[in-house]
Amino acid sequence: MDLVRELAIVLGRIVTIIPLLLIITLMMGRRSIGELPVFDFLVILILGAVVGADIADPKIEHIHTAVAIILIGALQFLISMWAITHRKFGRLITFEPTIVIKDGQLLRENIKRIRYSLDNVLQMLRENDTFDVSEVQLGIIESNGRLTVYKQPNKGAVTAEDLGIKKTAESISYPVIIEGKIYTEVLKDLKLNETWLRKELAKKEVSNIEQIFYASVNKNKKLHISFHNQIHSVKPDIFH
């Protein structure tokens, strides 16, 4: 009988707490989880922990959980309103946009500062239908962690190449150097070798491969390089 009673309590809590949780969540705005600022994401985690503990442990006072949900929701609402009306405060509780690509160059220091790896950035470029870093005029990691890509003027959604007769450039490039390490297997697949690569680097007056953060080659044998100490000044600054 005790088991049946406890199960009935759990069912009752689920039926009563979910509508309340839904109301509080809707108050937070119509944004997807991937678009939530850091503070809102933490609120979601806390709400989940509070509700989970309430459902899993019948010994916890149900009314306390309901009050906690309402108070957490009210706090989030007030802080969101404050962040909207006070931009400086809003920037304190979330991440600033960070430029990671400028004029086809990967900005290593910015990438490391936000604790992203080169693989993370390359993956997000592919998710933006971009397979060649040199096509990107500006790449920005937004406050929600996503990558926004602004391509070079002649590489946009509708380009002169798309409308013309001849396509002048290969759109996919392959990494041949990452963090100073040569990927000989990629060169081999492209029917190239390390000797060819070093000659191309010499043409660009690059003698020390360890200076290279990322280098890629497309099927037209065009080499693109981003250096470890790549520095770009971007003005004006990008804020929320």
Protein backbone atom coordinates (compact mmCIF):
# COMPACT_ATOMS: atom_id res chain seq x y z
CA MET A 1 0.00 0.00 0.00
CA ASP A 2 2.89 2.35 0.78
CA LEU A 3 4.29 1.80 -2.72
CA VAL A 4 0.95 2.56 -4.35
CA ARG A 5 0.62 5.68 -2.22
CA GLU A 6 4.10 6.91 -3.18
CA LEU A 7 3.42 6.25 -6.87
CA ALA A 8 0.16 8.19 -6.62
CA ILE A 9 2.06 11.08 -5.04
CA VAL A 10 4.63 11.03 -7.87
CA LEU A 11 1.86 11.00 -10.49
CA GLY A 12 0.09 13.88 -8.76
CA ARG A 13 3.30 15.90 -8.66
CA ILE A 14 3.95 15.32 -12.35
CA VAL A 15 0.42 16.39 -13.28
CA THR A 16 0.58 19.56 -11.18
CA ILE A 17 4.19 20.64 -11.66
CA ILE A 18 4.49 20.31 -15.45
CA PRO A 19 1.81 22.95 -16.24
CA LEU A 20 3.49 25.34 -13.80
CA LEU A 21 6.90 24.65 -15.32
CA LEU A 22 5.47 25.18 -18.82
CA ILE A 23 4.03 28.57 -17.83
CA ILE A 24 7.33 29.70 -16.30
CA THR A 25 9.31 28.50 -19.34
CA LEU A 26 6.99 30.32 -21.76
CA MET A 27 7.54 33.50 -19.74
CA MET A 28 11.24 33.24 -20.58
CA GLY A 29 10.53 33.92 -24.26
CA ARG A 30 10.18 32.05 -27.52
CA ARG A 31 13.80 31.16 -28.05
CA SER A 32 15.17 27.71 -28.75
CA ILE A 33 17.56 26.13 -26.23
CA GLY A 34 20.46 26.71 -28.63
CA GLU A 35 19.72 30.44 -28.66
CA LEU A 36 19.48 30.92 -24.89
CA PRO A 37 22.00 33.24 -23.25
CA VAL A 38 24.20 31.70 -20.55
CA PHE A 39 22.10 32.99 -17.65
CA ASP A 40 18.82 31.67 -19.10
CA PHE A 41 20.46 28.31 -19.78
CA LEU A 42 21.54 28.09 -16.13
CA VAL A 43 17.99 28.89 -15.05
CA ILE A 44 16.71 26.01 -17.20
CA LEU A 45 19.22 23.65 -15.56
CA ILE A 46 18.21 24.77 -12.06
CA LEU A 47 14.51 24.37 -12.84
CA GLY A 48 15.19 20.87 -14.15
CA ALA A 49 17.11 19.94 -10.99
CA VAL A 50 14.39 21.32 -8.70
CA VAL A 51 11.56 19.55 -10.54
CA GLY A 52 13.54 16.31 -10.85
CA ALA A 53 14.23 16.20 -7.13
CA ASP A 54 10.57 16.93 -6.34
CA ILE A 55 9.28 14.13 -8.58
CA ALA A 56 11.89 11.57 -7.53
CA ASP A 57 11.65 12.15 -3.75
CA PRO A 58 8.11 12.16 -2.25
CA LYS A 59 9.62 13.35 1.07
CA ILE A 60 10.26 16.81 -0.41
CA GLU A 61 7.44 19.22 0.31
CA HIS A 62 5.59 19.76 -2.97
CA ILE A 63 4.53 23.30 -2.11
CA HIS A 64 8.18 24.26 -1.57
CA THR A 65 9.02 23.10 -5.10
CA ALA A 66 6.13 25.10 -6.57
CA VAL A 67 7.23 28.23 -4.71
CA ALA A 68 10.85 27.69 -5.79
CA ILE A 69 9.80 27.43 -9.46
CA ILE A 70 7.76 30.62 -9.24
CA LEU A 71 10.58 32.52 -7.52
CA ILE A 72 13.21 31.29 -10.00
CA GLY A 73 10.94 32.26 -12.90
CA ALA A 74 10.29 35.69 -11.39
CA LEU A 75 14.02 36.26 -10.83
CA GLN A 76 14.80 35.31 -14.42
CA PHE A 77 12.07 37.62 -15.71
CA LEU A 78 13.33 40.57 -13.66
CA ILE A 79 16.96 40.02 -14.67
CA SER A 80 15.96 39.69 -18.35
CA MET A 81 14.07 42.99 -18.17
CA TRP A 82 17.05 44.61 -16.45
CA ALA A 83 19.41 43.28 -19.13
CA ILE A 84 17.18 44.72 -21.87
CA THR A 85 17.08 48.19 -20.34
CA HIS A 86 20.71 48.19 -19.13
CA ARG A 87 23.01 46.93 -21.88
CA LYS A 88 26.17 46.96 -19.74
CA PHE A 89 24.52 44.64 -17.24
CA GLY A 90 23.28 42.44 -20.08
CA ARG A 91 26.83 42.02 -21.38
CA LEU A 92 28.04 41.01 -17.90
CA ILE A 93 25.75 37.95 -17.74
CA THR A 94 26.50 36.57 -21.20
CA PHE A 95 29.32 36.19 -23.73
CA GLU A 96 30.36 38.84 -26.21
CA PRO A 97 30.53 38.00 -29.94
CA THR A 98 34.08 37.01 -30.88
CA ILE A 99 35.64 37.37 -34.34
CA VAL A 100 37.48 34.15 -35.26
CA ILE A 101 37.96 34.68 -39.02
CA LYS A 102 38.88 37.93 -40.76
CA ASP A 103 39.57 38.19 -44.50
CA GLY A 104 40.08 34.45 -44.80
CA GLN A 105 42.52 34.31 -41.87
CA LEU A 106 41.83 32.25 -38.76
CA LEU A 107 42.51 34.32 -35.65
CA ARG A 108 44.20 31.79 -33.40
CA GLU A 109 44.33 33.93 -30.25
CA ASN A 110 40.60 34.65 -30.37
CA ILE A 111 39.81 30.98 -30.99
CA LYS A 112 41.93 29.89 -28.03
CA ARG A 113 40.53 32.64 -25.79
CA ILE A 114 36.97 31.31 -26.09
CA ARG A 115 38.30 27.75 -25.64
CA TYR A 116 37.27 26.53 -29.09
CA SER A 117 39.45 24.17 -31.08
CA LEU A 118 40.29 24.54 -34.75
CA ASP A 119 38.16 21.45 -35.41
CA ASN A 120 35.17 23.19 -33.78
CA VAL A 121 35.50 26.18 -36.08
CA LEU A 122 36.00 24.07 -39.22
CA GLN A 123 32.95 21.97 -38.36
CA MET A 124 30.79 25.07 -37.90
CA LEU A 125 32.06 26.42 -41.22
CA ARG A 126 30.89 23.23 -42.92
CA GLU A 127 27.53 23.58 -41.19
CA ASN A 128 27.36 27.02 -42.83
CA ASP A 129 27.99 25.41 -46.24
CA THR A 130 31.52 26.81 -46.31
CA PHE A 131 34.37 24.46 -47.15
CA ASP A 132 37.12 26.97 -47.82
CA VAL A 133 38.27 29.43 -45.14
CA SER A 134 39.55 31.83 -47.79
CA GLU A 135 35.95 32.48 -48.88
CA VAL A 136 35.08 34.01 -45.49
CA GLN A 137 35.38 37.76 -45.02
CA LEU A 138 34.14 37.69 -41.43
CA GLY A 139 33.39 34.79 -39.06
CA ILE A 140 31.88 35.54 -35.64
CA ILE A 141 31.16 33.21 -32.72
CA GLU A 142 27.93 34.61 -31.29
CA SER A 143 26.92 34.69 -27.63
CA ASN A 144 24.92 31.47 -28.11
CA GLY A 145 28.02 29.65 -29.38
CA ARG A 146 27.01 29.55 -33.03
CA LEU A 147 29.16 30.73 -35.93
CA THR A 148 27.92 33.53 -38.18
CA VAL A 149 29.66 33.65 -41.56
CA TYR A 150 29.85 36.61 -43.93
CA LYS A 151 31.43 35.50 -47.19
CA GLN A 152 33.55 37.48 -49.59
CA PRO A 153 31.33 39.58 -51.92
CA ASN A 154 31.84 37.25 -54.88
CA LYS A 155 31.15 34.14 -52.77
CA GLY A 156 27.65 34.90 -51.49
CA ALA A 157 24.48 32.92 -52.02
CA VAL A 158 24.12 34.23 -55.58
CA THR A 159 27.49 34.93 -57.16
CA ALA A 160 28.85 35.99 -60.51
CA GLU A 161 30.21 32.48 -60.81
CA ASP A 162 26.76 30.98 -60.28
CA LEU A 163 25.21 33.20 -62.96
CA GLY A 164 28.11 33.12 -65.42
CA ILE A 165 29.39 30.46 -67.74
CA LYS A 166 32.61 29.55 -65.98
CA LYS A 167 33.28 28.73 -62.36
CA THR A 168 36.73 30.07 -61.56
CA ALA A 169 37.52 28.46 -58.23
CA GLU A 170 37.26 25.12 -56.46
CA SER A 171 34.91 25.50 -53.49
CA ILE A 172 36.32 22.76 -51.25
CA SER A 173 39.73 22.97 -49.62
CA TYR A 174 41.54 20.29 -47.62
CA PRO A 175 43.77 20.84 -44.56
CA VAL A 176 47.42 20.05 -45.21
CA ILE A 177 48.96 21.76 -42.16
CA ILE A 178 47.37 22.08 -38.72
CA GLU A 179 49.28 23.59 -35.78
CA GLY A 180 52.59 23.21 -37.64
CA LYS A 181 52.04 19.54 -38.56
CA ILE A 182 52.01 18.44 -42.22
CA TYR A 183 49.29 15.97 -43.21
CA THR A 184 51.11 13.89 -45.82
CA GLU A 185 48.13 11.57 -46.40
CA VAL A 186 46.00 14.51 -47.55
CA LEU A 187 48.78 15.65 -49.89
CA LYS A 188 49.01 12.13 -51.28
CA ASP A 189 45.26 11.98 -51.92
CA LEU A 190 45.57 15.29 -53.80
CA LYS A 191 48.46 13.78 -55.78
CA LEU A 192 50.89 16.19 -54.19
CA ASN A 193 53.85 15.76 -51.85
CA GLU A 194 55.79 17.59 -49.15
CA THR A 195 58.34 18.88 -51.66
CA TRP A 196 55.57 20.63 -53.61
CA LEU A 197 54.18 22.07 -50.40
CA ARG A 198 57.51 23.48 -49.28
CA LYS A 199 58.06 25.09 -52.69
CA GLU A 200 54.65 26.75 -52.47
CA LEU A 201 55.45 27.94 -48.97
CA ALA A 202 58.76 29.33 -50.22
CA LYS A 203 56.86 31.33 -52.87
CA LYS A 204 54.93 32.92 -50.00
CA GLU A 205 58.22 33.51 -48.14
CA VAL A 206 57.35 31.01 -45.40
CA SER A 207 60.33 29.00 -44.20
CA ASN A 208 59.18 27.83 -40.76
CA ILE A 209 56.17 25.49 -40.88
CA GLU A 210 55.71 25.84 -37.12
CA GLN A 211 54.54 29.42 -37.76
CA ILE A 212 51.49 28.06 -39.57
CA PHE A 213 48.26 27.58 -37.61
CA TYR A 214 46.24 26.24 -40.54
CA ALA A 215 46.92 25.70 -44.24
CA SER A 216 44.65 24.21 -46.88
CA VAL A 217 44.83 23.27 -50.56
CA ASN A 218 41.96 22.95 -53.03
CA LYS A 219 41.87 20.73 -56.09
CA ASN A 220 43.19 23.59 -58.20
CA LYS A 221 46.34 23.41 -56.06
CA LYS A 222 45.72 26.81 -54.50
CA LEU A 223 47.37 27.12 -51.09
CA HIS A 224 45.77 29.18 -48.31
CA ILE A 225 47.56 29.93 -45.01
CA SER A 226 46.62 31.25 -41.57
CA PHE A 227 49.50 31.96 -39.18
CA HIS A 228 49.80 31.47 -35.41
CA ASN A 229 50.41 35.16 -34.82
CA GLN A 230 47.75 36.37 -37.24
CA ILE A 231 46.61 39.80 -36.03
CA HIS A 232 43.72 41.73 -37.51
CA SER A 233 42.24 44.95 -36.27
CA VAL A 234 38.49 44.97 -36.77
CA LYS A 235 36.73 48.30 -36.38
CA PRO A 236 34.13 49.07 -35.28
CA ASP A 237 33.93 46.47 -32.54
CA ILE A 238 31.00 44.06 -32.56
CA PHE A 239 28.77 44.05 -29.50
CA HIS A 240 25.30 42.76 -28.66
